[in-house]
Amino acid sequence: MALDPALLAILACPEDKGALLYVDDAGGEFLYNPRLRRRYDVRDGIPVMLVGESTVLDAAAHDDAVRRAAAHG
């Protein structure tokens, strides 16, 4: 299930207030901040925008997330 584009347009990283990328793959949906390499999961269609619940991705996962976000559009 994709996030509403209008919602995605207004969501920002709670840490640096920058734009987020949307990634939807076999591992689930998430929003991604490539500047901080921070992943915010989307659970049941609801973005979990808490820094304490986010995950910092390593270099390989970062590259994969950016590639998947670009493929999604």
C-alpha atoms as a PDB file:
ATOM      1  CA  MET A   1       0.000   0.000   0.000  1.00  0.00           C
ATOM      2  CA  ALA A   2       1.584   3.283  -1.085  1.00  0.00           C
ATOM      3  CA  LEU A   3       1.414   6.418   1.001  1.00  0.00           C
ATOM      4  CA  ASP A   4      -0.752   9.250  -0.226  1.00  0.00           C
ATOM      5  CA  PRO A   5       1.466  11.588  -2.305  1.00  0.00           C
ATOM      6  CA  ALA A   6      -0.031  14.619  -0.521  1.00  0.00           C
ATOM      7  CA  LEU A   7       1.002  13.164   2.851  1.00  0.00           C
ATOM      8  CA  LEU A   8       4.469  12.292   1.588  1.00  0.00           C
ATOM      9  CA  ALA A   9       4.914  15.860   0.317  1.00  0.00           C
ATOM     10  CA  ILE A  10       4.439  17.340   3.799  1.00  0.00           C
ATOM     11  CA  LEU A  11       6.286  14.753   5.897  1.00  0.00           C
ATOM     12  CA  ALA A  12       9.807  15.657   6.993  1.00  0.00           C
ATOM     13  CA  CYS A  13      12.509  13.993   9.027  1.00  0.00           C
ATOM     14  CA  PRO A  14      11.955  14.888  12.690  1.00  0.00           C
ATOM     15  CA  GLU A  15      15.708  15.190  13.197  1.00  0.00           C
ATOM     16  CA  ASP A  16      16.909  17.430  10.335  1.00  0.00           C
ATOM     17  CA  LYS A  17      13.500  18.565   8.999  1.00  0.00           C
ATOM     18  CA  GLY A  18      14.500  17.546   5.464  1.00  0.00           C
ATOM     19  CA  ALA A  19      12.592  15.685   2.778  1.00  0.00           C
ATOM     20  CA  LEU A  20      12.184  11.919   2.888  1.00  0.00           C
ATOM     21  CA  LEU A  21      12.217   9.232   0.218  1.00  0.00           C
ATOM     22  CA  TYR A  22       9.460   6.611   0.064  1.00  0.00           C
ATOM     23  CA  VAL A  23      10.586   2.992  -0.281  1.00  0.00           C
ATOM     24  CA  ASP A  24       8.222   0.046  -0.725  1.00  0.00           C
ATOM     25  CA  ASP A  25       9.849  -3.351  -1.044  1.00  0.00           C
ATOM     26  CA  ALA A  26       9.565  -6.952   0.121  1.00  0.00           C
ATOM     27  CA  GLY A  27      10.890  -5.863   3.518  1.00  0.00           C
ATOM     28  CA  GLY A  28       7.995  -3.440   3.933  1.00  0.00           C
ATOM     29  CA  GLU A  29       7.309   0.242   3.475  1.00  0.00           C
ATOM     30  CA  PHE A  30       9.510   2.907   4.971  1.00  0.00           C
ATOM     31  CA  LEU A  31      10.502   6.534   4.662  1.00  0.00           C
ATOM     32  CA  TYR A  32      14.191   7.215   4.283  1.00  0.00           C
ATOM     33  CA  ASN A  33      16.417  10.183   5.031  1.00  0.00           C
ATOM     34  CA  PRO A  34      19.519   9.672   2.860  1.00  0.00           C
ATOM     35  CA  ARG A  35      21.377  12.550   4.517  1.00  0.00           C
ATOM     36  CA  LEU A  36      21.337  10.881   7.939  1.00  0.00           C
ATOM     37  CA  ARG A  37      20.858   7.319   6.610  1.00  0.00           C
ATOM     38  CA  ARG A  38      17.821   7.064   8.873  1.00  0.00           C
ATOM     39  CA  ARG A  39      14.909   4.701   8.119  1.00  0.00           C
ATOM     40  CA  TYR A  40      11.406   5.341   9.476  1.00  0.00           C
ATOM     41  CA  ASP A  41       9.118   2.316   9.175  1.00  0.00           C
ATOM     42  CA  VAL A  42       5.533   2.547   7.961  1.00  0.00           C
ATOM     43  CA  ARG A  43       3.291   0.256  10.013  1.00  0.00           C
ATOM     44  CA  ASP A  44      -0.234  -0.478   8.830  1.00  0.00           C
ATOM     45  CA  GLY A  45      -0.021   2.556   6.543  1.00  0.00           C
ATOM     46  CA  ILE A  46       1.097   4.898   9.346  1.00  0.00           C
ATOM     47  CA  PRO A  47       4.612   6.393   9.282  1.00  0.00           C
ATOM     48  CA  VAL A  48       6.400   6.008  12.623  1.00  0.00           C
ATOM     49  CA  MET A  49       8.203   9.348  12.745  1.00  0.00           C
ATOM     50  CA  LEU A  50      10.074   8.895  16.024  1.00  0.00           C
ATOM     51  CA  VAL A  51      13.865   9.215  15.988  1.00  0.00           C
ATOM     52  CA  GLY A  52      14.115   6.676  18.811  1.00  0.00           C
ATOM     53  CA  GLU A  53      12.240   4.092  16.709  1.00  0.00           C
ATOM     54  CA  SER A  54      14.195   4.738  13.526  1.00  0.00           C
ATOM     55  CA  THR A  55      17.077   2.665  12.194  1.00  0.00           C
ATOM     56  CA  VAL A  56      20.397   3.932  10.847  1.00  0.00           C
ATOM     57  CA  LEU A  57      21.375   2.022   7.696  1.00  0.00           C
ATOM     58  CA  ASP A  58      24.870   0.919   6.756  1.00  0.00           C
ATOM     59  CA  ALA A  59      26.414   1.877   3.397  1.00  0.00           C
ATOM     60  CA  ALA A  60      25.085  -1.143   1.472  1.00  0.00           C
ATOM     61  CA  ALA A  61      21.540  -0.749   2.835  1.00  0.00           C
ATOM     62  CA  HIS A  62      21.728   3.002   2.117  1.00  0.00           C
ATOM     63  CA  ASP A  63      22.620   2.357  -1.538  1.00  0.00           C
ATOM     64  CA  ASP A  64      19.802  -0.197  -1.824  1.00  0.00           C
ATOM     65  CA  ALA A  65      17.241   2.160  -0.254  1.00  0.00           C
ATOM     66  CA  VAL A  66      18.198   5.038  -2.574  1.00  0.00           C
ATOM     67  CA  ARG A  67      18.028   2.725  -5.602  1.00  0.00           C
ATOM     68  CA  ARG A  68      14.601   1.369  -4.581  1.00  0.00           C
ATOM     69  CA  ALA A  69      13.250   4.865  -3.921  1.00  0.00           C
ATOM     70  CA  ALA A  70      14.402   6.012  -7.358  1.00  0.00           C
ATOM     71  CA  ALA A  71      12.737   2.984  -8.963  1.00  0.00           C
ATOM     72  CA  HIS A  72       9.488   3.819  -7.179  1.00  0.00           C
ATOM     73  CA  GLY A  73       9.513   7.336  -8.561  1.00  0.00           C
END
